[in-house]
Amino acid sequence: MTDETIPTLPRNTYMGKRRDGEPETEAEHFYQCKECGGWVDKRDLSSVFDHEDGGSHPKTDLPNN
């Protein structure tokens, strides 16, 4: 098993777009990280990487910040 790290990308650089239309609410673009409880914007690849295994889990994503 190799020691791989997830790349660091600047936020808001690689933004995805939904293929099946826009959601009814802005909240549908987010999920809560099971490890740190932070909210992750699923459209932003760097945000997703920050919360994957080995990610940095930025304090700015935590609730009540």
PDB file of N, CA and C in Angstrom:
ATOM      1  N   MET A   1       0.845  -1.170   0.000  1.00  0.00           N
ATOM      2  CA  MET A   1       0.000   0.000   0.000  1.00  0.00           C
ATOM      3  C   MET A   1       0.892   1.235   0.000  1.00  0.00           C
ATOM      4  N   THR A   2       0.598   2.181  -0.875  1.00  0.00           N
ATOM      5  CA  THR A   2       1.413   3.385  -0.972  1.00  0.00           C
ATOM      6  C   THR A   2       0.809   4.494  -0.138  1.00  0.00           C
ATOM      7  N   ASP A   3       1.644   5.430   0.257  1.00  0.00           N
ATOM      8  CA  ASP A   3       1.199   6.583   1.027  1.00  0.00           C
ATOM      9  C   ASP A   3       0.840   7.695   0.053  1.00  0.00           C
ATOM     10  N   GLU A   4      -0.410   7.729  -0.393  1.00  0.00           N
ATOM     11  CA  GLU A   4      -0.856   8.733  -1.350  1.00  0.00           C
ATOM     12  C   GLU A   4      -1.567   9.854  -0.620  1.00  0.00           C
ATOM     13  N   THR A   5      -1.370  11.065  -1.095  1.00  0.00           N
ATOM     14  CA  THR A   5      -2.095  12.200  -0.546  1.00  0.00           C
ATOM     15  C   THR A   5      -2.990  12.779  -1.622  1.00  0.00           C
ATOM     16  N   ILE A   6      -4.068  13.370  -1.197  1.00  0.00           N
ATOM     17  CA  ILE A   6      -4.996  14.003  -2.121  1.00  0.00           C
ATOM     18  C   ILE A   6      -4.422  15.363  -2.492  1.00  0.00           C
ATOM     19  N   PRO A   7      -4.446  15.727  -3.782  1.00  0.00           N
ATOM     20  CA  PRO A   7      -3.839  16.986  -4.199  1.00  0.00           C
ATOM     21  C   PRO A   7      -4.527  18.194  -3.569  1.00  0.00           C
ATOM     22  N   THR A   8      -3.744  19.266  -3.409  1.00  0.00           N
ATOM     23  CA  THR A   8      -4.290  20.517  -2.907  1.00  0.00           C
ATOM     24  C   THR A   8      -4.640  21.393  -4.102  1.00  0.00           C
ATOM     25  N   LEU A   9      -5.883  21.794  -4.173  1.00  0.00           N
ATOM     26  CA  LEU A   9      -6.355  22.655  -5.253  1.00  0.00           C
ATOM     27  C   LEU A   9      -6.957  23.919  -4.654  1.00  0.00           C
ATOM     28  N   PRO A  10      -6.805  25.055  -5.317  1.00  0.00           N
ATOM     29  CA  PRO A  10      -7.452  26.266  -4.821  1.00  0.00           C
ATOM     30  C   PRO A  10      -8.970  26.125  -4.897  1.00  0.00           C
ATOM     31  N   ARG A  11      -9.656  26.620  -3.885  1.00  0.00           N
ATOM     32  CA  ARG A  11     -11.116  26.576  -3.883  1.00  0.00           C
ATOM     33  C   ARG A  11     -11.685  27.383  -5.045  1.00  0.00           C
ATOM     34  N   ASN A  12     -12.840  26.969  -5.506  1.00  0.00           N
ATOM     35  CA  ASN A  12     -13.582  27.631  -6.586  1.00  0.00           C
ATOM     36  C   ASN A  12     -12.840  27.644  -7.918  1.00  0.00           C
ATOM     37  N   THR A  13     -11.954  26.673  -8.134  1.00  0.00           N
ATOM     38  CA  THR A  13     -11.217  26.584  -9.399  1.00  0.00           C
ATOM     39  C   THR A  13     -11.841  25.552 -10.331  1.00  0.00           C
ATOM     40  N   TYR A  14     -12.179  24.401  -9.796  1.00  0.00           N
ATOM     41  CA  TYR A  14     -12.776  23.324 -10.584  1.00  0.00           C
ATOM     42  C   TYR A  14     -14.208  23.117 -10.114  1.00  0.00           C
ATOM     43  N   MET A  15     -15.120  23.803 -10.769  1.00  0.00           N
ATOM     44  CA  MET A  15     -16.525  23.779 -10.372  1.00  0.00           C
ATOM     45  C   MET A  15     -17.325  22.883 -11.321  1.00  0.00           C
ATOM     46  N   GLY A  16     -18.075  21.971 -10.733  1.00  0.00           N
ATOM     47  CA  GLY A  16     -18.905  21.077 -11.522  1.00  0.00           C
ATOM     48  C   GLY A  16     -20.279  21.665 -11.783  1.00  0.00           C
ATOM     49  N   LYS A  17     -20.968  21.094 -12.747  1.00  0.00           N
ATOM     50  CA  LYS A  17     -22.337  21.503 -13.062  1.00  0.00           C
ATOM     51  C   LYS A  17     -23.214  20.264 -13.080  1.00  0.00           C
ATOM     52  N   ARG A  18     -24.418  20.409 -12.589  1.00  0.00           N
ATOM     53  CA  ARG A  18     -25.356  19.284 -12.581  1.00  0.00           C
ATOM     54  C   ARG A  18     -25.783  18.949 -13.997  1.00  0.00           C
ATOM     55  N   ARG A  19     -25.941  17.680 -14.258  1.00  0.00           N
ATOM     56  CA  ARG A  19     -26.378  17.228 -15.577  1.00  0.00           C
ATOM     57  C   ARG A  19     -27.889  17.124 -15.658  1.00  0.00           C
ATOM     58  N   ASP A  20     -28.536  17.014 -14.497  1.00  0.00           N
ATOM     59  CA  ASP A  20     -29.980  16.779 -14.511  1.00  0.00           C
ATOM     60  C   ASP A  20     -30.779  18.000 -14.061  1.00  0.00           C
ATOM     61  N   GLY A  21     -30.267  19.193 -14.301  1.00  0.00           N
ATOM     62  CA  GLY A  21     -30.979  20.406 -13.929  1.00  0.00           C
ATOM     63  C   GLY A  21     -30.610  20.896 -12.543  1.00  0.00           C
ATOM     64  N   GLU A  22     -31.014  22.101 -12.268  1.00  0.00           N
ATOM     65  CA  GLU A  22     -30.700  22.712 -10.981  1.00  0.00           C
ATOM     66  C   GLU A  22     -31.596  22.161  -9.878  1.00  0.00           C
ATOM     67  N   PRO A  23     -31.069  22.085  -8.657  1.00  0.00           N
ATOM     68  CA  PRO A  23     -31.864  21.593  -7.528  1.00  0.00           C
ATOM     69  C   PRO A  23     -32.903  22.637  -7.111  1.00  0.00           C
ATOM     70  N   GLU A  24     -33.858  22.209  -6.326  1.00  0.00           N
ATOM     71  CA  GLU A  24     -34.903  23.118  -5.856  1.00  0.00           C
ATOM     72  C   GLU A  24     -34.351  24.149  -4.882  1.00  0.00           C
ATOM     73  N   THR A  25     -33.342  23.769  -4.082  1.00  0.00           N
ATOM     74  CA  THR A  25     -32.756  24.695  -3.111  1.00  0.00           C
ATOM     75  C   THR A  25     -31.239  24.641  -3.193  1.00  0.00           C
ATOM     76  N   GLU A  26     -30.591  25.708  -2.756  1.00  0.00           N
ATOM     77  CA  GLU A  26     -29.127  25.772  -2.715  1.00  0.00           C
ATOM     78  C   GLU A  26     -28.549  24.691  -1.798  1.00  0.00           C
ATOM     79  N   ALA A  27     -29.286  24.324  -0.773  1.00  0.00           N
ATOM     80  CA  ALA A  27     -28.817  23.334   0.203  1.00  0.00           C
ATOM     81  C   ALA A  27     -28.513  21.984  -0.439  1.00  0.00           C
ATOM     82  N   GLU A  28     -29.145  21.678  -1.554  1.00  0.00           N
ATOM     83  CA  GLU A  28     -28.919  20.393  -2.213  1.00  0.00           C
ATOM     84  C   GLU A  28     -27.527  20.277  -2.834  1.00  0.00           C
ATOM     85  N   HIS A  29     -26.782  21.369  -2.893  1.00  0.00           N
ATOM     86  CA  HIS A  29     -25.413  21.340  -3.409  1.00  0.00           C
ATOM     87  C   HIS A  29     -24.417  20.889  -2.352  1.00  0.00           C
ATOM     88  N   PHE A  30     -24.863  20.686  -1.109  1.00  0.00           N
ATOM     89  CA  PHE A  30     -23.957  20.405  -0.003  1.00  0.00           C
ATOM     90  C   PHE A  30     -24.247  19.062   0.650  1.00  0.00           C
ATOM     91  N   TYR A  31     -23.202  18.471   1.228  1.00  0.00           N
ATOM     92  CA  TYR A  31     -23.362  17.297   2.095  1.00  0.00           C
ATOM     93  C   TYR A  31     -22.509  17.523   3.327  1.00  0.00           C
ATOM     94  N   GLN A  32     -22.829  16.813   4.404  1.00  0.00           N
ATOM     95  CA  GLN A  32     -22.079  16.971   5.645  1.00  0.00           C
ATOM     96  C   GLN A  32     -21.038  15.865   5.752  1.00  0.00           C
ATOM     97  N   CYS A  33     -19.786  16.259   5.981  1.00  0.00           N
ATOM     98  CA  CYS A  33     -18.676  15.312   6.116  1.00  0.00           C
ATOM     99  C   CYS A  33     -18.912  14.438   7.348  1.00  0.00           C
ATOM    100  N   LYS A  34     -18.835  13.130   7.169  1.00  0.00           N
ATOM    101  CA  LYS A  34     -19.056  12.204   8.286  1.00  0.00           C
ATOM    102  C   LYS A  34     -17.923  12.246   9.301  1.00  0.00           C
ATOM    103  N   GLU A  35     -16.733  12.655   8.872  1.00  0.00           N
ATOM    104  CA  GLU A  35     -15.576  12.651   9.773  1.00  0.00           C
ATOM    105  C   GLU A  35     -15.508  13.898  10.654  1.00  0.00           C
ATOM    106  N   CYS A  36     -15.717  15.087  10.063  1.00  0.00           N
ATOM    107  CA  CYS A  36     -15.533  16.321  10.842  1.00  0.00           C
ATOM    108  C   CYS A  36     -16.813  17.120  11.051  1.00  0.00           C
ATOM    109  N   GLY A  37     -17.878  16.754  10.328  1.00  0.00           N
ATOM    110  CA  GLY A  37     -19.140  17.477  10.459  1.00  0.00           C
ATOM    111  C   GLY A  37     -19.222  18.731   9.623  1.00  0.00           C
ATOM    112  N   GLY A  38     -18.172  19.020   8.846  1.00  0.00           N
ATOM    113  CA  GLY A  38     -18.165  20.210   7.997  1.00  0.00           C
ATOM    114  C   GLY A  38     -19.094  20.063   6.804  1.00  0.00           C
ATOM    115  N   TRP A  39     -19.523  21.202   6.258  1.00  0.00           N
ATOM    116  CA  TRP A  39     -20.391  21.197   5.088  1.00  0.00           C
ATOM    117  C   TRP A  39     -19.544  21.331   3.834  1.00  0.00           C
ATOM    118  N   VAL A  40     -19.790  20.461   2.855  1.00  0.00           N
ATOM    119  CA  VAL A  40     -18.989  20.369   1.656  1.00  0.00           C
ATOM    120  C   VAL A  40     -19.839  20.718   0.436  1.00  0.00           C
ATOM    121  N   ASP A  41     -19.337  21.651  -0.371  1.00  0.00           N
ATOM    122  CA  ASP A  41     -20.004  22.016  -1.621  1.00  0.00           C
ATOM    123  C   ASP A  41     -19.633  20.973  -2.667  1.00  0.00           C
ATOM    124  N   LYS A  42     -20.575  20.160  -3.072  1.00  0.00           N
ATOM    125  CA  LYS A  42     -20.311  19.071  -4.007  1.00  0.00           C
ATOM    126  C   LYS A  42     -19.909  19.570  -5.395  1.00  0.00           C
ATOM    127  N   ARG A  43     -20.166  20.847  -5.695  1.00  0.00           N
ATOM    128  CA  ARG A  43     -19.791  21.395  -6.999  1.00  0.00           C
ATOM    129  C   ARG A  43     -18.314  21.731  -7.071  1.00  0.00           C
ATOM    130  N   ASP A  44     -17.659  21.912  -5.927  1.00  0.00           N
ATOM    131  CA  ASP A  44     -16.272  22.368  -5.873  1.00  0.00           C
ATOM    132  C   ASP A  44     -15.343  21.185  -5.577  1.00  0.00           C
ATOM    133  N   LEU A  45     -14.587  20.761  -6.585  1.00  0.00           N
ATOM    134  CA  LEU A  45     -13.734  19.585  -6.453  1.00  0.00           C
ATOM    135  C   LEU A  45     -12.749  19.734  -5.301  1.00  0.00           C
ATOM    136  N   SER A  46     -12.198  20.932  -5.103  1.00  0.00           N
ATOM    137  CA  SER A  46     -11.239  21.117  -4.016  1.00  0.00           C
ATOM    138  C   SER A  46     -11.903  20.951  -2.654  1.00  0.00           C
ATOM    139  N   SER A  47     -13.152  21.375  -2.519  1.00  0.00           N
ATOM    140  CA  SER A  47     -13.884  21.181  -1.258  1.00  0.00           C
ATOM    141  C   SER A  47     -14.084  19.699  -0.978  1.00  0.00           C
ATOM    142  N   VAL A  48     -14.412  18.958  -2.006  1.00  0.00           N
ATOM    143  CA  VAL A  48     -14.607  17.514  -1.854  1.00  0.00           C
ATOM    144  C   VAL A  48     -13.296  16.854  -1.444  1.00  0.00           C
ATOM    145  N   PHE A  49     -12.177  17.213  -2.110  1.00  0.00           N
ATOM    146  CA  PHE A  49     -10.872  16.648  -1.756  1.00  0.00           C
ATOM    147  C   PHE A  49     -10.498  16.971  -0.314  1.00  0.00           C
ATOM    148  N   ASP A  50     -10.852  18.175   0.153  1.00  0.00           N
ATOM    149  CA  ASP A  50     -10.522  18.565   1.525  1.00  0.00           C
ATOM    150  C   ASP A  50     -11.178  17.648   2.557  1.00  0.00           C
ATOM    151  N   HIS A  51     -12.231  16.948   2.173  1.00  0.00           N
ATOM    152  CA  HIS A  51     -12.962  16.115   3.125  1.00  0.00           C
ATOM    153  C   HIS A  51     -12.888  14.628   2.809  1.00  0.00           C
ATOM    154  N   GLU A  52     -12.103  14.252   1.831  1.00  0.00           N
ATOM    155  CA  GLU A  52     -11.892  12.839   1.545  1.00  0.00           C
ATOM    156  C   GLU A  52     -10.863  12.294   2.525  1.00  0.00           C
ATOM    157  N   ASP A  53     -10.650  10.983   2.529  1.00  0.00           N
ATOM    158  CA  ASP A  53      -9.659  10.363   3.420  1.00  0.00           C
ATOM    159  C   ASP A  53      -8.317  11.070   3.271  1.00  0.00           C
ATOM    160  N   GLY A  54      -7.768  11.519   4.376  1.00  0.00           N
ATOM    161  CA  GLY A  54      -6.490  12.211   4.351  1.00  0.00           C
ATOM    162  C   GLY A  54      -6.595  13.689   4.056  1.00  0.00           C
ATOM    163  N   GLY A  55      -7.802  14.190   3.881  1.00  0.00           N
ATOM    164  CA  GLY A  55      -7.995  15.603   3.591  1.00  0.00           C
ATOM    165  C   GLY A  55      -7.735  16.477   4.809  1.00  0.00           C
ATOM    166  N   SER A  56      -7.696  17.772   4.588  1.00  0.00           N
ATOM    167  CA  SER A  56      -7.335  18.705   5.653  1.00  0.00           C
ATOM    168  C   SER A  56      -8.496  19.099   6.559  1.00  0.00           C
ATOM    169  N   HIS A  57      -9.724  18.891   6.124  1.00  0.00           N
ATOM    170  CA  HIS A  57     -10.918  19.239   6.900  1.00  0.00           C
ATOM    171  C   HIS A  57     -10.814  20.659   7.448  1.00  0.00           C
ATOM    172  N   PRO A  58     -10.848  21.685   6.581  1.00  0.00           N
ATOM    173  CA  PRO A  58     -10.678  23.079   7.025  1.00  0.00           C
ATOM    174  C   PRO A  58     -11.718  23.503   8.057  1.00  0.00           C
ATOM    175  N   LYS A  59     -11.267  24.253   9.043  1.00  0.00           N
ATOM    176  CA  LYS A  59     -12.163  24.742  10.087  1.00  0.00           C
ATOM    177  C   LYS A  59     -13.222  25.679   9.533  1.00  0.00           C
ATOM    178  N   THR A  60     -12.957  26.324   8.415  1.00  0.00           N
ATOM    179  CA  THR A  60     -13.941  27.238   7.824  1.00  0.00           C
ATOM    180  C   THR A  60     -15.185  26.513   7.331  1.00  0.00           C
ATOM    181  N   ASP A  61     -15.105  25.208   7.124  1.00  0.00           N
ATOM    182  CA  ASP A  61     -16.254  24.428   6.670  1.00  0.00           C
ATOM    183  C   ASP A  61     -17.123  23.920   7.828  1.00  0.00           C
ATOM    184  N   LEU A  62     -16.612  24.033   9.053  1.00  0.00           N
ATOM    185  CA  LEU A  62     -17.344  23.508  10.191  1.00  0.00           C
ATOM    186  C   LEU A  62     -18.579  24.354  10.499  1.00  0.00           C
ATOM    187  N   PRO A  63     -19.624  23.730  11.014  1.00  0.00           N
ATOM    188  CA  PRO A  63     -20.811  24.484  11.386  1.00  0.00           C
ATOM    189  C   PRO A  63     -20.479  25.566  12.429  1.00  0.00           C
ATOM    190  N   ASN A  64     -21.223  26.655  12.397  1.00  0.00           N
ATOM    191  CA  ASN A  64     -21.086  27.764  13.354  1.00  0.00           C
ATOM    192  C   ASN A  64     -19.762  28.502  13.241  1.00  0.00           C
ATOM    193  N   ASN A  65     -19.189  28.558  12.036  1.00  0.00           N
ATOM    194  CA  ASN A  65     -17.974  29.367  11.825  1.00  0.00           C
ATOM    195  C   ASN A  65     -18.277  30.524  10.938  1.00  0.00           C
TER     196      ASN A  65
END
